[in-house]
Amino acid sequence: MTTPSDPDVFLALADPHRREILRVLTGQPASINAIADRFTISRPAISKHIKLLEASGFIRISPQGRERICHLDDSGFDQVRAWMDYFEAYWHTQFMQLDNYLKSHPDESV
């Protein structure tokens, strides 16, 4: 069972610039320079954000000539989904137990 133990994906998603980079890449893959042109922060700062997104599995980078092209990658999103599924299962169990209790004690329900 997957447990909520890897904060790296959440660290990657915590920054609004990184979330915006991911949003930009939903349209199509883009070079690091093309991504940097959309922001007012420095290119080195964009590069650091991209490196963290790549390390967290949200994007992959492929060389194309002298450019480096960023593509969305689903492995980071899979980690987020697994983390959320863990808690969804927990809450589902809690609500099922509450439902069973309420059904077995109808006079006590409000």
PDB file of N, CA and C in Angstrom:
ATOM      1  N   MET A   1       0.838  -1.174   0.000  1.00  0.00           N
ATOM      2  CA  MET A   1       0.000   0.000   0.000  1.00  0.00           C
ATOM      3  C   MET A   1       0.891   1.248   0.000  1.00  0.00           C
ATOM      4  N   THR A   2       0.520   2.224  -0.768  1.00  0.00           N
ATOM      5  CA  THR A   2       1.247   3.480  -0.810  1.00  0.00           C
ATOM      6  C   THR A   2       0.846   4.337   0.381  1.00  0.00           C
ATOM      7  N   THR A   3       1.845   4.884   1.045  1.00  0.00           N
ATOM      8  CA  THR A   3       1.565   5.745   2.189  1.00  0.00           C
ATOM      9  C   THR A   3       2.006   7.168   1.872  1.00  0.00           C
ATOM     10  N   PRO A   4       1.465   8.134   2.575  1.00  0.00           N
ATOM     11  CA  PRO A   4       1.809   9.525   2.302  1.00  0.00           C
ATOM     12  C   PRO A   4       3.161   9.890   2.888  1.00  0.00           C
ATOM     13  N   SER A   5       4.246   9.438   2.257  1.00  0.00           N
ATOM     14  CA  SER A   5       5.555   9.625   2.862  1.00  0.00           C
ATOM     15  C   SER A   5       6.486  10.516   2.049  1.00  0.00           C
ATOM     16  N   ASP A   6       6.145  10.873   0.817  1.00  0.00           N
ATOM     17  CA  ASP A   6       7.069  11.615  -0.020  1.00  0.00           C
ATOM     18  C   ASP A   6       6.600  13.051  -0.213  1.00  0.00           C
ATOM     19  N   PRO A   7       7.188  13.981   0.532  1.00  0.00           N
ATOM     20  CA  PRO A   7       6.742  15.371   0.411  1.00  0.00           C
ATOM     21  C   PRO A   7       7.292  16.082  -0.816  1.00  0.00           C
ATOM     22  N   ASP A   8       8.216  15.479  -1.562  1.00  0.00           N
ATOM     23  CA  ASP A   8       8.847  16.163  -2.682  1.00  0.00           C
ATOM     24  C   ASP A   8       7.838  16.655  -3.712  1.00  0.00           C
ATOM     25  N   VAL A   9       6.840  15.855  -4.038  1.00  0.00           N
ATOM     26  CA  VAL A   9       5.863  16.289  -5.033  1.00  0.00           C
ATOM     27  C   VAL A   9       5.061  17.476  -4.512  1.00  0.00           C
ATOM     28  N   PHE A  10       4.801  17.514  -3.242  1.00  0.00           N
ATOM     29  CA  PHE A  10       4.046  18.629  -2.679  1.00  0.00           C
ATOM     30  C   PHE A  10       4.910  19.882  -2.570  1.00  0.00           C
ATOM     31  N   LEU A  11       6.179  19.704  -2.315  1.00  0.00           N
ATOM     32  CA  LEU A  11       7.102  20.836  -2.351  1.00  0.00           C
ATOM     33  C   LEU A  11       7.132  21.416  -3.763  1.00  0.00           C
ATOM     34  N   ALA A  12       7.162  20.551  -4.749  1.00  0.00           N
ATOM     35  CA  ALA A  12       7.177  21.012  -6.140  1.00  0.00           C
ATOM     36  C   ALA A  12       5.911  21.784  -6.480  1.00  0.00           C
ATOM     37  N   LEU A  13       4.786  21.352  -5.959  1.00  0.00           N
ATOM     38  CA  LEU A  13       3.510  22.011  -6.261  1.00  0.00           C
ATOM     39  C   LEU A  13       3.244  23.235  -5.391  1.00  0.00           C
ATOM     40  N   ALA A  14       4.043  23.421  -4.353  1.00  0.00           N
ATOM     41  CA  ALA A  14       3.787  24.502  -3.402  1.00  0.00           C
ATOM     42  C   ALA A  14       4.046  25.888  -3.987  1.00  0.00           C
ATOM     43  N   ASP A  15       4.892  25.968  -4.981  1.00  0.00           N
ATOM     44  CA  ASP A  15       5.262  27.271  -5.521  1.00  0.00           C
ATOM     45  C   ASP A  15       4.379  27.660  -6.707  1.00  0.00           C
ATOM     46  N   PRO A  16       3.839  28.873  -6.722  1.00  0.00           N
ATOM     47  CA  PRO A  16       2.959  29.280  -7.825  1.00  0.00           C
ATOM     48  C   PRO A  16       3.662  29.331  -9.183  1.00  0.00           C
ATOM     49  N   HIS A  17       4.964  29.634  -9.203  1.00  0.00           N
ATOM     50  CA  HIS A  17       5.682  29.636 -10.481  1.00  0.00           C
ATOM     51  C   HIS A  17       5.747  28.225 -11.065  1.00  0.00           C
ATOM     52  N   ARG A  18       6.008  27.240 -10.205  1.00  0.00           N
ATOM     53  CA  ARG A  18       6.077  25.855 -10.698  1.00  0.00           C
ATOM     54  C   ARG A  18       4.713  25.377 -11.170  1.00  0.00           C
ATOM     55  N   ARG A  19       3.657  25.755 -10.456  1.00  0.00           N
ATOM     56  CA  ARG A  19       2.311  25.381 -10.913  1.00  0.00           C
ATOM     57  C   ARG A  19       2.002  26.026 -12.261  1.00  0.00           C
ATOM     58  N   GLU A  20       2.446  27.253 -12.443  1.00  0.00           N
ATOM     59  CA  GLU A  20       2.214  27.936 -13.724  1.00  0.00           C
ATOM     60  C   GLU A  20       3.026  27.283 -14.845  1.00  0.00           C
ATOM     61  N   ILE A  21       4.241  26.849 -14.548  1.00  0.00           N
ATOM     62  CA  ILE A  21       5.037  26.129 -15.553  1.00  0.00           C
ATOM     63  C   ILE A  21       4.291  24.875 -15.995  1.00  0.00           C
ATOM     64  N   LEU A  22       3.735  24.138 -15.048  1.00  0.00           N
ATOM     65  CA  LEU A  22       2.962  22.936 -15.401  1.00  0.00           C
ATOM     66  C   LEU A  22       1.755  23.301 -16.253  1.00  0.00           C
ATOM     67  N   ARG A  23       1.084  24.386 -15.893  1.00  0.00           N
ATOM     68  CA  ARG A  23      -0.076  24.815 -16.672  1.00  0.00           C
ATOM     69  C   ARG A  23       0.333  25.172 -18.104  1.00  0.00           C
ATOM     70  N   VAL A  24       1.462  25.856 -18.252  1.00  0.00           N
ATOM     71  CA  VAL A  24       1.963  26.213 -19.586  1.00  0.00           C
ATOM     72  C   VAL A  24       2.200  24.953 -20.415  1.00  0.00           C
ATOM     73  N   LEU A  25       2.737  23.929 -19.784  1.00  0.00           N
ATOM     74  CA  LEU A  25       3.072  22.701 -20.513  1.00  0.00           C
ATOM     75  C   LEU A  25       1.852  21.854 -20.852  1.00  0.00           C
ATOM     76  N   THR A  26       0.687  22.172 -20.299  1.00  0.00           N
ATOM     77  CA  THR A  26      -0.508  21.416 -20.694  1.00  0.00           C
ATOM     78  C   THR A  26      -0.894  21.724 -22.134  1.00  0.00           C
ATOM     79  N   GLY A  27      -0.513  22.886 -22.632  1.00  0.00           N
ATOM     80  CA  GLY A  27      -0.814  23.227 -24.017  1.00  0.00           C
ATOM     81  C   GLY A  27       0.045  22.452 -24.995  1.00  0.00           C
ATOM     82  N   GLN A  28       1.337  22.420 -24.718  1.00  0.00           N
ATOM     83  CA  GLN A  28       2.282  21.687 -25.559  1.00  0.00           C
ATOM     84  C   GLN A  28       3.653  21.736 -24.904  1.00  0.00           C
ATOM     85  N   PRO A  29       4.554  20.836 -25.298  1.00  0.00           N
ATOM     86  CA  PRO A  29       5.918  20.919 -24.782  1.00  0.00           C
ATOM     87  C   PRO A  29       6.535  22.269 -25.158  1.00  0.00           C
ATOM     88  N   ALA A  30       7.486  22.718 -24.365  1.00  0.00           N
ATOM     89  CA  ALA A  30       8.115  24.017 -24.616  1.00  0.00           C
ATOM     90  C   ALA A  30       9.575  23.984 -24.190  1.00  0.00           C
ATOM     91  N   SER A  31      10.373  24.801 -24.850  1.00  0.00           N
ATOM     92  CA  SER A  31      11.778  24.911 -24.464  1.00  0.00           C
ATOM     93  C   SER A  31      11.875  25.692 -23.151  1.00  0.00           C
ATOM     94  N   ILE A  32      12.983  25.499 -22.485  1.00  0.00           N
ATOM     95  CA  ILE A  32      13.200  26.229 -21.236  1.00  0.00           C
ATOM     96  C   ILE A  32      13.197  27.732 -21.509  1.00  0.00           C
ATOM     97  N   ASN A  33      13.792  28.144 -22.629  1.00  0.00           N
ATOM     98  CA  ASN A  33      13.791  29.573 -22.971  1.00  0.00           C
ATOM     99  C   ASN A  33      12.379  30.090 -23.216  1.00  0.00           C
ATOM    100  N   ALA A  34      11.558  29.319 -23.906  1.00  0.00           N
ATOM    101  CA  ALA A  34      10.175  29.744 -24.168  1.00  0.00           C
ATOM    102  C   ALA A  34       9.389  29.856 -22.864  1.00  0.00           C
ATOM    103  N   ILE A  35       9.648  28.949 -21.946  1.00  0.00           N
ATOM    104  CA  ILE A  35       8.981  29.016 -20.639  1.00  0.00           C
ATOM    105  C   ILE A  35       9.454  30.262 -19.896  1.00  0.00           C
ATOM    106  N   ALA A  36      10.765  30.481 -19.885  1.00  0.00           N
ATOM    107  CA  ALA A  36      11.331  31.628 -19.162  1.00  0.00           C
ATOM    108  C   ALA A  36      10.804  32.951 -19.708  1.00  0.00           C
ATOM    109  N   ASP A  37      10.544  33.015 -21.005  1.00  0.00           N
ATOM    110  CA  ASP A  37      10.035  34.253 -21.611  1.00  0.00           C
ATOM    111  C   ASP A  37       8.657  34.641 -21.084  1.00  0.00           C
ATOM    112  N   ARG A  38       7.933  33.710 -20.511  1.00  0.00           N
ATOM    113  CA  ARG A  38       6.579  33.984 -20.005  1.00  0.00           C
ATOM    114  C   ARG A  38       6.579  34.552 -18.583  1.00  0.00           C
ATOM    115  N   PHE A  39       7.742  34.574 -17.946  1.00  0.00           N
ATOM    116  CA  PHE A  39       7.824  34.968 -16.543  1.00  0.00           C
ATOM    117  C   PHE A  39       8.684  36.213 -16.371  1.00  0.00           C
ATOM    118  N   THR A  40       8.460  36.903 -15.277  1.00  0.00           N
ATOM    119  CA  THR A  40       9.267  38.084 -14.961  1.00  0.00           C
ATOM    120  C   THR A  40      10.452  37.741 -14.063  1.00  0.00           C
ATOM    121  N   ILE A  41      10.521  36.507 -13.589  1.00  0.00           N
ATOM    122  CA  ILE A  41      11.664  36.112 -12.754  1.00  0.00           C
ATOM    123  C   ILE A  41      12.830  35.723 -13.663  1.00  0.00           C
ATOM    124  N   SER A  42      14.010  35.624 -13.092  1.00  0.00           N
ATOM    125  CA  SER A  42      15.224  35.378 -13.875  1.00  0.00           C
ATOM    126  C   SER A  42      15.239  33.978 -14.488  1.00  0.00           C
ATOM    127  N   ARG A  43      16.023  33.838 -15.542  1.00  0.00           N
ATOM    128  CA  ARG A  43      16.176  32.518 -16.171  1.00  0.00           C
ATOM    129  C   ARG A  43      16.801  31.502 -15.207  1.00  0.00           C
ATOM    130  N   PRO A  44      17.817  31.897 -14.414  1.00  0.00           N
ATOM    131  CA  PRO A  44      18.333  30.932 -13.432  1.00  0.00           C
ATOM    132  C   PRO A  44      17.255  30.461 -12.449  1.00  0.00           C
ATOM    133  N   ALA A  45      16.358  31.364 -12.060  1.00  0.00           N
ATOM    134  CA  ALA A  45      15.270  30.964 -11.153  1.00  0.00           C
ATOM    135  C   ALA A  45      14.341  29.980 -11.856  1.00  0.00           C
ATOM    136  N   ILE A  46      14.015  30.246 -13.121  1.00  0.00           N
ATOM    137  CA  ILE A  46      13.177  29.316 -13.892  1.00  0.00           C
ATOM    138  C   ILE A  46      13.872  27.968 -13.998  1.00  0.00           C
ATOM    139  N   SER A  47      15.173  27.979 -14.257  1.00  0.00           N
ATOM    140  CA  SER A  47      15.925  26.718 -14.357  1.00  0.00           C
ATOM    141  C   SER A  47      15.853  25.918 -13.063  1.00  0.00           C
ATOM    142  N   LYS A  48      15.944  26.601 -11.932  1.00  0.00           N
ATOM    143  CA  LYS A  48      15.838  25.903 -10.641  1.00  0.00           C
ATOM    144  C   LYS A  48      14.449  25.299 -10.463  1.00  0.00           C
ATOM    145  N   HIS A  49      13.418  26.053 -10.840  1.00  0.00           N
ATOM    146  CA  HIS A  49      12.054  25.528 -10.748  1.00  0.00           C
ATOM    147  C   HIS A  49      11.892  24.298 -11.645  1.00  0.00           C
ATOM    148  N   ILE A  50      12.422  24.381 -12.846  1.00  0.00           N
ATOM    149  CA  ILE A  50      12.301  23.268 -13.794  1.00  0.00           C
ATOM    150  C   ILE A  50      13.056  22.044 -13.281  1.00  0.00           C
ATOM    151  N   LYS A  51      14.234  22.250 -12.714  1.00  0.00           N
ATOM    152  CA  LYS A  51      14.996  21.121 -12.158  1.00  0.00           C
ATOM    153  C   LYS A  51      14.215  20.425 -11.049  1.00  0.00           C
ATOM    154  N   LEU A  52      13.565  21.203 -10.190  1.00  0.00           N
ATOM    155  CA  LEU A  52      12.774  20.601  -9.113  1.00  0.00           C
ATOM    156  C   LEU A  52      11.570  19.851  -9.677  1.00  0.00           C
ATOM    157  N   LEU A  53      10.915  20.426 -10.679  1.00  0.00           N
ATOM    158  CA  LEU A  53       9.781  19.735 -11.307  1.00  0.00           C
ATOM    159  C   LEU A  53      10.229  18.441 -11.973  1.00  0.00           C
ATOM    160  N   GLU A  54      11.402  18.467 -12.588  1.00  0.00           N
ATOM    161  CA  GLU A  54      11.934  17.254 -13.216  1.00  0.00           C
ATOM    162  C   GLU A  54      12.287  16.211 -12.154  1.00  0.00           C
ATOM    163  N   ALA A  55      12.955  16.629 -11.084  1.00  0.00           N
ATOM    164  CA  ALA A  55      13.337  15.701 -10.012  1.00  0.00           C
ATOM    165  C   ALA A  55      12.116  15.094  -9.334  1.00  0.00           C
ATOM    166  N   SER A  56      11.009  15.833  -9.309  1.00  0.00           N
ATOM    167  CA  SER A  56       9.779  15.353  -8.670  1.00  0.00           C
ATOM    168  C   SER A  56       8.915  14.526  -9.611  1.00  0.00           C
ATOM    169  N   GLY A  57       9.318  14.428 -10.872  1.00  0.00           N
ATOM    170  CA  GLY A  57       8.593  13.585 -11.820  1.00  0.00           C
ATOM    171  C   GLY A  57       7.437  14.260 -12.539  1.00  0.00           C
ATOM    172  N   PHE A  58       7.343  15.582 -12.447  1.00  0.00           N
ATOM    173  CA  PHE A  58       6.251  16.279 -13.130  1.00  0.00           C
ATOM    174  C   PHE A  58       6.573  16.603 -14.581  1.00  0.00           C
ATOM    175  N   ILE A  59       7.856  16.763 -14.880  1.00  0.00           N
ATOM    176  CA  ILE A  59       8.236  17.011 -16.266  1.00  0.00           C
ATOM    177  C   ILE A  59       9.444  16.162 -16.610  1.00  0.00           C
ATOM    178  N   ARG A  60       9.628  15.949 -17.902  1.00  0.00           N
ATOM    179  CA  ARG A  60      10.858  15.333 -18.395  1.00  0.00           C
ATOM    180  C   ARG A  60      11.423  16.273 -19.438  1.00  0.00           C
ATOM    181  N   ILE A  61      12.718  16.240 -19.585  1.00  0.00           N
ATOM    182  CA  ILE A  61      13.394  17.150 -20.501  1.00  0.00           C
ATOM    183  C   ILE A  61      14.110  16.327 -21.556  1.00  0.00           C
ATOM    184  N   SER A  62      13.901  16.708 -22.805  1.00  0.00           N
ATOM    185  CA  SER A  62      14.586  16.023 -23.899  1.00  0.00           C
ATOM    186  C   SER A  62      15.359  17.056 -24.716  1.00  0.00           C
ATOM    187  N   PRO A  63      16.597  16.708 -25.082  1.00  0.00           N
ATOM    188  CA  PRO A  63      17.367  17.641 -25.908  1.00  0.00           C
ATOM    189  C   PRO A  63      16.832  17.649 -27.343  1.00  0.00           C
ATOM    190  N   GLN A  64      16.787  18.825 -27.926  1.00  0.00           N
ATOM    191  CA  GLN A  64      16.381  18.960 -29.323  1.00  0.00           C
ATOM    192  C   GLN A  64      17.293  20.033 -29.920  1.00  0.00           C
ATOM    193  N   GLY A  65      18.348  19.581 -30.580  1.00  0.00           N
ATOM    194  CA  GLY A  65      19.364  20.522 -31.050  1.00  0.00           C
ATOM    195  C   GLY A  65      20.029  21.173 -29.856  1.00  0.00           C
ATOM    196  N   ARG A  66      20.077  22.500 -29.863  1.00  0.00           N
ATOM    197  CA  ARG A  66      20.678  23.220 -28.740  1.00  0.00           C
ATOM    198  C   ARG A  66      19.672  23.524 -27.643  1.00  0.00           C
ATOM    199  N   GLU A  67      18.436  23.241 -27.886  1.00  0.00           N
ATOM    200  CA  GLU A  67      17.368  23.510 -26.911  1.00  0.00           C
ATOM    201  C   GLU A  67      17.124  22.295 -26.023  1.00  0.00           C
ATOM    202  N   ARG A  68      16.540  22.561 -24.873  1.00  0.00           N
ATOM    203  CA  ARG A  68      16.058  21.497 -23.989  1.00  0.00           C
ATOM    204  C   ARG A  68      14.555  21.684 -23.896  1.00  0.00           C
ATOM    205  N   ILE A  69      13.812  20.659 -24.311  1.00  0.00           N
ATOM    206  CA  ILE A  69      12.358  20.743 -24.387  1.00  0.00           C
ATOM    207  C   ILE A  69      11.746  20.068 -23.162  1.00  0.00           C
ATOM    208  N   CYS A  70      10.824  20.771 -22.514  1.00  0.00           N
ATOM    209  CA  CYS A  70      10.132  20.256 -21.333  1.00  0.00           C
ATOM    210  C   CYS A  70       8.790  19.669 -21.751  1.00  0.00           C
ATOM    211  N   HIS A  71       8.497  18.484 -21.242  1.00  0.00           N
ATOM    212  CA  HIS A  71       7.236  17.786 -21.486  1.00  0.00           C
ATOM    213  C   HIS A  71       6.626  17.435 -20.135  1.00  0.00           C
ATOM    214  N   LEU A  72       5.312  17.445 -20.051  1.00  0.00           N
ATOM    215  CA  LEU A  72       4.669  16.944 -18.834  1.00  0.00           C
ATOM    216  C   LEU A  72       4.950  15.460 -18.690  1.00  0.00           C
ATOM    217  N   ASP A  73       5.137  15.020 -17.476  1.00  0.00           N
ATOM    218  CA  ASP A  73       5.337  13.602 -17.166  1.00  0.00           C
ATOM    219  C   ASP A  73       4.334  13.242 -16.078  1.00  0.00           C
ATOM    220  N   ASP A  74       3.770  12.065 -16.165  1.00  0.00           N
ATOM    221  CA  ASP A  74       2.704  11.727 -15.214  1.00  0.00           C
ATOM    222  C   ASP A  74       3.185  11.099 -13.918  1.00  0.00           C
ATOM    223  N   SER A  75       4.467  10.780 -13.782  1.00  0.00           N
ATOM    224  CA  SER A  75       4.888  10.079 -12.563  1.00  0.00           C
ATOM    225  C   SER A  75       4.737  10.948 -11.310  1.00  0.00           C
ATOM    226  N   GLY A  76       4.980  12.230 -11.398  1.00  0.00           N
ATOM    227  CA  GLY A  76       4.748  13.110 -10.246  1.00  0.00           C
ATOM    228  C   GLY A  76       3.280  13.176  -9.886  1.00  0.00           C
ATOM    229  N   PHE A  77       2.439  13.246 -10.918  1.00  0.00           N
ATOM    230  CA  PHE A  77       0.997  13.275 -10.680  1.00  0.00           C
ATOM    231  C   PHE A  77       0.520  11.943 -10.107  1.00  0.00           C
ATOM    232  N   ASP A  78       1.155  10.844 -10.526  1.00  0.00           N
ATOM    233  CA  ASP A  78       0.806   9.533  -9.971  1.00  0.00           C
ATOM    234  C   ASP A  78       1.083   9.485  -8.472  1.00  0.00           C
ATOM    235  N   GLN A  79       2.179  10.114  -8.042  1.00  0.00           N
ATOM    236  CA  GLN A  79       2.500  10.140  -6.612  1.00  0.00           C
ATOM    237  C   GLN A  79       1.458  10.942  -5.833  1.00  0.00           C
ATOM    238  N   VAL A  80       1.025  12.052  -6.402  1.00  0.00           N
ATOM    239  CA  VAL A  80      -0.018  12.860  -5.752  1.00  0.00           C
ATOM    240  C   VAL A  80      -1.314  12.062  -5.679  1.00  0.00           C
ATOM    241  N   ARG A  81      -1.642  11.400  -6.786  1.00  0.00           N
ATOM    242  CA  ARG A  81      -2.873  10.599  -6.829  1.00  0.00           C
ATOM    243  C   ARG A  81      -2.822   9.477  -5.788  1.00  0.00           C
ATOM    244  N   ALA A  82      -1.675   8.814  -5.667  1.00  0.00           N
ATOM    245  CA  ALA A  82      -1.538   7.734  -4.683  1.00  0.00           C
ATOM    246  C   ALA A  82      -1.694   8.276  -3.265  1.00  0.00           C
ATOM    247  N   TRP A  83      -1.133   9.438  -3.008  1.00  0.00           N
ATOM    248  CA  TRP A  83      -1.248  10.055  -1.687  1.00  0.00           C
ATOM    249  C   TRP A  83      -2.707  10.372  -1.389  1.00  0.00           C
ATOM    250  N   MET A  84      -3.393  10.924  -2.375  1.00  0.00           N
ATOM    251  CA  MET A  84      -4.808  11.265  -2.181  1.00  0.00           C
ATOM    252  C   MET A  84      -5.661  10.003  -2.050  1.00  0.00           C
ATOM    253  N   ASP A  85      -5.349   8.972  -2.825  1.00  0.00           N
ATOM    254  CA  ASP A  85      -6.092   7.711  -2.728  1.00  0.00           C
ATOM    255  C   ASP A  85      -5.979   7.106  -1.336  1.00  0.00           C
ATOM    256  N   TYR A  86      -4.804   7.236  -0.721  1.00  0.00           N
ATOM    257  CA  TYR A  86      -4.579   6.719   0.622  1.00  0.00           C
ATOM    258  C   TYR A  86      -5.592   7.334   1.595  1.00  0.00           C
ATOM    259  N   PHE A  87      -5.748   8.652   1.530  1.00  0.00           N
ATOM    260  CA  PHE A  87      -6.675   9.327   2.434  1.00  0.00           C
ATOM    261  C   PHE A  87      -8.124   9.162   2.014  1.00  0.00           C
ATOM    262  N   GLU A  88      -8.363   9.021   0.736  1.00  0.00           N
ATOM    263  CA  GLU A  88      -9.727   8.750   0.293  1.00  0.00           C
ATOM    264  C   GLU A  88     -10.201   7.416   0.862  1.00  0.00           C
ATOM    265  N   ALA A  89      -9.331   6.408   0.835  1.00  0.00           N
ATOM    266  CA  ALA A  89      -9.686   5.102   1.397  1.00  0.00           C
ATOM    267  C   ALA A  89      -9.938   5.219   2.904  1.00  0.00           C
ATOM    268  N   TYR A  90      -9.110   5.992   3.581  1.00  0.00           N
ATOM    269  CA  TYR A  90      -9.286   6.188   5.020  1.00  0.00           C
ATOM    270  C   TYR A  90     -10.657   6.798   5.309  1.00  0.00           C
ATOM    271  N   TRP A  91     -10.976   7.893   4.619  1.00  0.00           N
ATOM    272  CA  TRP A  91     -12.245   8.571   4.888  1.00  0.00           C
ATOM    273  C   TRP A  91     -13.437   7.737   4.440  1.00  0.00           C
ATOM    274  N   HIS A  92     -13.278   6.987   3.385  1.00  0.00           N
ATOM    275  CA  HIS A  92     -14.365   6.102   2.956  1.00  0.00           C
ATOM    276  C   HIS A  92     -14.684   5.096   4.067  1.00  0.00           C
ATOM    277  N   THR A  93     -13.637   4.516   4.652  1.00  0.00           N
ATOM    278  CA  THR A  93     -13.823   3.563   5.747  1.00  0.00           C
ATOM    279  C   THR A  93     -14.495   4.239   6.942  1.00  0.00           C
ATOM    280  N   GLN A  94     -14.049   5.436   7.273  1.00  0.00           N
ATOM    281  CA  GLN A  94     -14.637   6.155   8.405  1.00  0.00           C
ATOM    282  C   GLN A  94     -16.126   6.424   8.182  1.00  0.00           C
ATOM    283  N   PHE A  95     -16.480   6.859   6.987  1.00  0.00           N
ATOM    284  CA  PHE A  95     -17.886   7.155   6.702  1.00  0.00           C
ATOM    285  C   PHE A  95     -18.734   5.890   6.626  1.00  0.00           C
ATOM    286  N   MET A  96     -18.160   4.803   6.157  1.00  0.00           N
ATOM    287  CA  MET A  96     -18.894   3.533   6.133  1.00  0.00           C
ATOM    288  C   MET A  96     -19.173   3.066   7.559  1.00  0.00           C
ATOM    289  N   GLN A  97     -18.193   3.205   8.443  1.00  0.00           N
ATOM    290  CA  GLN A  97     -18.400   2.832   9.843  1.00  0.00           C
ATOM    291  C   GLN A  97     -19.469   3.714  10.485  1.00  0.00           C
ATOM    292  N   LEU A  98     -19.447   4.991  10.193  1.00  0.00           N
ATOM    293  CA  LEU A  98     -20.470   5.892  10.714  1.00  0.00           C
ATOM    294  C   LEU A  98     -21.842   5.511  10.168  1.00  0.00           C
ATOM    295  N   ASP A  99     -21.918   5.219   8.891  1.00  0.00           N
ATOM    296  CA  ASP A  99     -23.178   4.815   8.272  1.00  0.00           C
ATOM    297  C   ASP A  99     -23.712   3.540   8.926  1.00  0.00           C
ATOM    298  N   ASN A 100     -22.842   2.567   9.130  1.00  0.00           N
ATOM    299  CA  ASN A 100     -23.256   1.317   9.776  1.00  0.00           C
ATOM    300  C   ASN A 100     -23.737   1.566  11.203  1.00  0.00           C
ATOM    301  N   TYR A 101     -23.040   2.429  11.917  1.00  0.00           N
ATOM    302  CA  TYR A 101     -23.448   2.746  13.282  1.00  0.00           C
ATOM    303  C   TYR A 101     -24.829   3.401  13.288  1.00  0.00           C
ATOM    304  N   LEU A 102     -25.020   4.375  12.432  1.00  0.00           N
ATOM    305  CA  LEU A 102     -26.309   5.080  12.388  1.00  0.00           C
ATOM    306  C   LEU A 102     -27.451   4.148  11.994  1.00  0.00           C
ATOM    307  N   LYS A 103     -27.179   3.219  11.101  1.00  0.00           N
ATOM    308  CA  LYS A 103     -28.217   2.262  10.695  1.00  0.00           C
ATOM    309  C   LYS A 103     -28.538   1.278  11.815  1.00  0.00           C
ATOM    310  N   SER A 104     -27.538   0.949  12.625  1.00  0.00           N
ATOM    311  CA  SER A 104     -27.768  -0.010  13.707  1.00  0.00           C
ATOM    312  C   SER A 104     -28.336   0.654  14.965  1.00  0.00           C
ATOM    313  N   HIS A 105     -28.342   1.972  15.008  1.00  0.00           N
ATOM    314  CA  HIS A 105     -28.884   2.727  16.142  1.00  0.00           C
ATOM    315  C   HIS A 105     -29.833   3.810  15.623  1.00  0.00           C
ATOM    316  N   PRO A 106     -30.931   3.416  15.008  1.00  0.00           N
ATOM    317  CA  PRO A 106     -31.815   4.416  14.382  1.00  0.00           C
ATOM    318  C   PRO A 106     -32.459   5.373  15.378  1.00  0.00           C
ATOM    319  N   ASP A 107     -32.677   4.941  16.585  1.00  0.00           N
ATOM    320  CA  ASP A 107     -33.324   5.809  17.571  1.00  0.00           C
ATOM    321  C   ASP A 107     -32.401   6.915  18.065  1.00  0.00           C
ATOM    322  N   GLU A 108     -31.099   6.709  17.901  1.00  0.00           N
ATOM    323  CA  GLU A 108     -30.136   7.692  18.387  1.00  0.00           C
ATOM    324  C   GLU A 108     -29.792   8.733  17.334  1.00  0.00           C
ATOM    325  N   SER A 109     -30.161   8.493  16.097  1.00  0.00           N
ATOM    326  CA  SER A 109     -29.812   9.457  15.048  1.00  0.00           C
ATOM    327  C   SER A 109     -30.706  10.681  15.125  1.00  0.00           C
ATOM    328  N   VAL A 110     -30.197  11.778  14.682  1.00  0.00           N
ATOM    329  CA  VAL A 110     -30.935  13.045  14.758  1.00  0.00           C
ATOM    330  C   VAL A 110     -31.720  13.262  13.485  1.00  0.00           C
TER     331      VAL A 110
END
